[in-house]
C-alpha atoms as a PDB file:
ATOM      1  CA  MET A   1      -9.169   3.331  13.099  1.00  0.00           C
ATOM      2  CA  ALA A   2      -5.469   2.608  13.438  1.00  0.00           C
ATOM      3  CA  THR A   3      -2.806   4.708  15.083  1.00  0.00           C
ATOM      4  CA  ASP A   4       0.777   4.293  16.172  1.00  0.00           C
ATOM      5  CA  ALA A   5       0.126   6.093  19.473  1.00  0.00           C
ATOM      6  CA  VAL A   6       0.400   4.152  22.710  1.00  0.00           C
ATOM      7  CA  LEU A   7      -3.186   3.938  23.978  1.00  0.00           C
ATOM      8  CA  THR A   8      -4.778   2.449  27.045  1.00  0.00           C
ATOM      9  CA  PRO A   9      -7.937   0.429  26.447  1.00  0.00           C
ATOM     10  CA  ALA A  10     -10.015   3.419  27.633  1.00  0.00           C
ATOM     11  CA  GLN A  11      -8.178   5.755  25.251  1.00  0.00           C
ATOM     12  CA  ALA A  12      -8.661   3.344  22.352  1.00  0.00           C
ATOM     13  CA  LYS A  13     -12.379   3.210  23.132  1.00  0.00           C
ATOM     14  CA  ARG A  14     -12.537   7.020  23.185  1.00  0.00           C
ATOM     15  CA  LEU A  15     -10.735   7.125  19.819  1.00  0.00           C
ATOM     16  CA  ALA A  16     -13.295   4.731  18.311  1.00  0.00           C
ATOM     17  CA  VAL A  17     -16.224   6.682  19.781  1.00  0.00           C
ATOM     18  CA  MET A  18     -14.896   9.949  18.381  1.00  0.00           C
ATOM     19  CA  ALA A  19     -14.011   8.397  15.016  1.00  0.00           C
ATOM     20  CA  GLN A  20     -17.580   7.140  14.690  1.00  0.00           C
ATOM     21  CA  ASP A  21     -18.655  10.779  14.309  1.00  0.00           C
ATOM     22  CA  GLY A  22     -17.096  10.549  10.856  1.00  0.00           C
ATOM     23  CA  LEU A  23     -19.854   8.119   9.891  1.00  0.00           C
ATOM     24  CA  ALA A  24     -22.490  10.653  10.932  1.00  0.00           C
ATOM     25  CA  ARG A  25     -20.790  13.294   8.804  1.00  0.00           C
ATOM     26  CA  ALA A  26     -20.767  11.088   5.718  1.00  0.00           C
ATOM     27  CA  ILE A  27     -23.816   8.792   5.955  1.00  0.00           C
ATOM     28  CA  ARG A  28     -27.449   9.806   6.313  1.00  0.00           C
ATOM     29  CA  PRO A  29     -29.270   8.200   7.959  1.00  0.00           C
ATOM     30  CA  VAL A  30     -26.638   6.751  10.246  1.00  0.00           C
ATOM     31  CA  HIS A  31     -27.082   4.319  13.152  1.00  0.00           C
ATOM     32  CA  ALA A  32     -30.374   2.967  11.824  1.00  0.00           C
ATOM     33  CA  PRO A  33     -31.807  -0.111  13.575  1.00  0.00           C
ATOM     34  CA  PHE A  34     -30.967  -2.392  10.641  1.00  0.00           C
ATOM     35  CA  ASP A  35     -27.372  -1.438   9.849  1.00  0.00           C
ATOM     36  CA  GLY A  36     -24.085  -2.397  11.426  1.00  0.00           C
ATOM     37  CA  ASP A  37     -22.292   0.894  11.926  1.00  0.00           C
ATOM     38  CA  ILE A  38     -19.284   0.227  14.118  1.00  0.00           C
ATOM     39  CA  VAL A  39     -15.765   1.530  14.430  1.00  0.00           C
ATOM     40  CA  PHE A  40     -12.859  -0.282  16.031  1.00  0.00           C
ATOM     41  CA  ALA A  41      -9.610   1.314  17.176  1.00  0.00           C
ATOM     42  CA  LEU A  42      -6.216  -0.310  17.343  1.00  0.00           C
ATOM     43  CA  SER A  43      -2.708   0.823  18.042  1.00  0.00           C
ATOM     44  CA  THR A  44       0.759  -0.363  17.140  1.00  0.00           C
ATOM     45  CA  GLY A  45       2.025   1.278  20.331  1.00  0.00           C
ATOM     46  CA  ARG A  46       5.098   2.751  18.647  1.00  0.00           C
ATOM     47  CA  ARG A  47       4.730   6.390  19.757  1.00  0.00           C
ATOM     48  CA  ARG A  48       4.184   7.721  23.249  1.00  0.00           C
ATOM     49  CA  LEU A  49       1.434  10.291  23.692  1.00  0.00           C
ATOM     50  CA  GLU A  50       2.496  13.867  24.249  1.00  0.00           C
ATOM     51  CA  ALA A  51       1.426  15.463  27.511  1.00  0.00           C
ATOM     52  CA  PRO A  52      -1.317  16.085  28.368  1.00  0.00           C
ATOM     53  CA  ALA A  53      -2.416  12.680  27.117  1.00  0.00           C
ATOM     54  CA  ASP A  54      -6.159  13.437  27.234  1.00  0.00           C
ATOM     55  CA  LEU A  55      -5.699  16.436  24.975  1.00  0.00           C
ATOM     56  CA  THR A  56      -3.674  14.341  22.533  1.00  0.00           C
ATOM     57  CA  VAL A  57      -6.359  11.630  22.503  1.00  0.00           C
ATOM     58  CA  ALA A  58      -8.985  14.309  21.818  1.00  0.00           C
ATOM     59  CA  ARG A  59      -6.917  15.603  18.909  1.00  0.00           C
ATOM     60  CA  LEU A  60      -6.444  12.072  17.564  1.00  0.00           C
ATOM     61  CA  GLY A  61     -10.201  11.484  17.843  1.00  0.00           C
ATOM     62  CA  ALA A  62     -11.005  14.650  15.902  1.00  0.00           C
ATOM     63  CA  LEU A  63      -8.542  13.669  13.188  1.00  0.00           C
ATOM     64  CA  ALA A  64      -9.967  10.132  13.140  1.00  0.00           C
ATOM     65  CA  ALA A  65     -13.505  11.466  12.572  1.00  0.00           C
ATOM     66  CA  ASP A  66     -12.274  13.623   9.682  1.00  0.00           C
ATOM     67  CA  THR A  67     -10.361  10.681   8.229  1.00  0.00           C
ATOM     68  CA  LEU A  68     -13.307   8.297   8.457  1.00  0.00           C
ATOM     69  CA  ALA A  69     -15.705  10.787   6.843  1.00  0.00           C
ATOM     70  CA  ARG A  70     -13.260  11.279   3.979  1.00  0.00           C
ATOM     71  CA  ALA A  71     -12.736   7.515   3.598  1.00  0.00           C
ATOM     72  CA  VAL A  72     -16.496   6.946   3.279  1.00  0.00           C
ATOM     73  CA  ALA A  73     -16.780   9.702   0.665  1.00  0.00           C
ATOM     74  CA  ARG A  74     -13.835   8.319  -1.298  1.00  0.00           C
ATOM     75  CA  GLY A  75     -15.360   4.854  -1.226  1.00  0.00           C
ATOM     76  CA  VAL A  76     -18.693   6.140  -2.520  1.00  0.00           C
ATOM     77  CA  HIS A  77     -17.072   8.117  -5.316  1.00  0.00           C
ATOM     78  CA  ALA A  78     -14.770   5.253  -6.343  1.00  0.00           C
ATOM     79  CA  ALA A  79     -17.389   2.481  -6.218  1.00  0.00           C
ATOM     80  CA  THR A  80     -18.300   0.611  -9.386  1.00  0.00           C
ATOM     81  CA  ALA A  81     -21.237  -1.710  -9.968  1.00  0.00           C
ATOM     82  CA  TRP A  82     -20.771  -5.468  -9.974  1.00  0.00           C
ATOM     83  CA  ALA A  83     -20.605  -7.038 -13.410  1.00  0.00           C
ATOM     84  CA  GLY A  84     -24.108  -7.817 -14.595  1.00  0.00           C
ATOM     85  CA  SER A  85     -25.711  -5.729 -11.861  1.00  0.00           C
ATOM     86  CA  ASP A  86     -28.300  -3.062 -12.549  1.00  0.00           C
ATOM     87  CA  VAL A  87     -27.410  -1.221  -9.336  1.00  0.00           C
ATOM     88  CA  ARG A  88     -26.201   2.281 -10.070  1.00  0.00           C
ATOM     89  CA  CYS A  89     -23.300   3.885  -8.257  1.00  0.00           C
ATOM     90  CA  TRP A  90     -22.534   7.534  -7.601  1.00  0.00           C
ATOM     91  CA  ARG A  91     -20.436   7.749 -10.759  1.00  0.00           C
ATOM     92  CA  ASP A  92     -23.363   6.414 -12.793  1.00  0.00           C
ATOM     93  CA  LEU A  93     -25.770   9.155 -11.735  1.00  0.00           C
ATOM     94  CA  PRO A  94     -26.428  12.041 -14.131  1.00  0.00           C
ATOM     95  CA  ALA A  95     -24.421  15.176 -13.370  1.00  0.00           C
END
């Protein structure tokens, strides 16, 4: 999850933790023992956080979770099968 907000390492970790909720909204089951669900957060550091900073980080985290859930859904709906593959994608399923 990328942002232009100036974040401390602890704030970036909180953003990633909150953004990971987007996976739980979009993928079931999520966090299974054999998958690699992980979210990283990074910042360009171009915009200072508005006060109070913790409230702004919480808002960013909520938006990040929404964004990640939508990104997963868009990826599923846009996916196409590999050439020569018999694996069906969402768009190949009967309506």
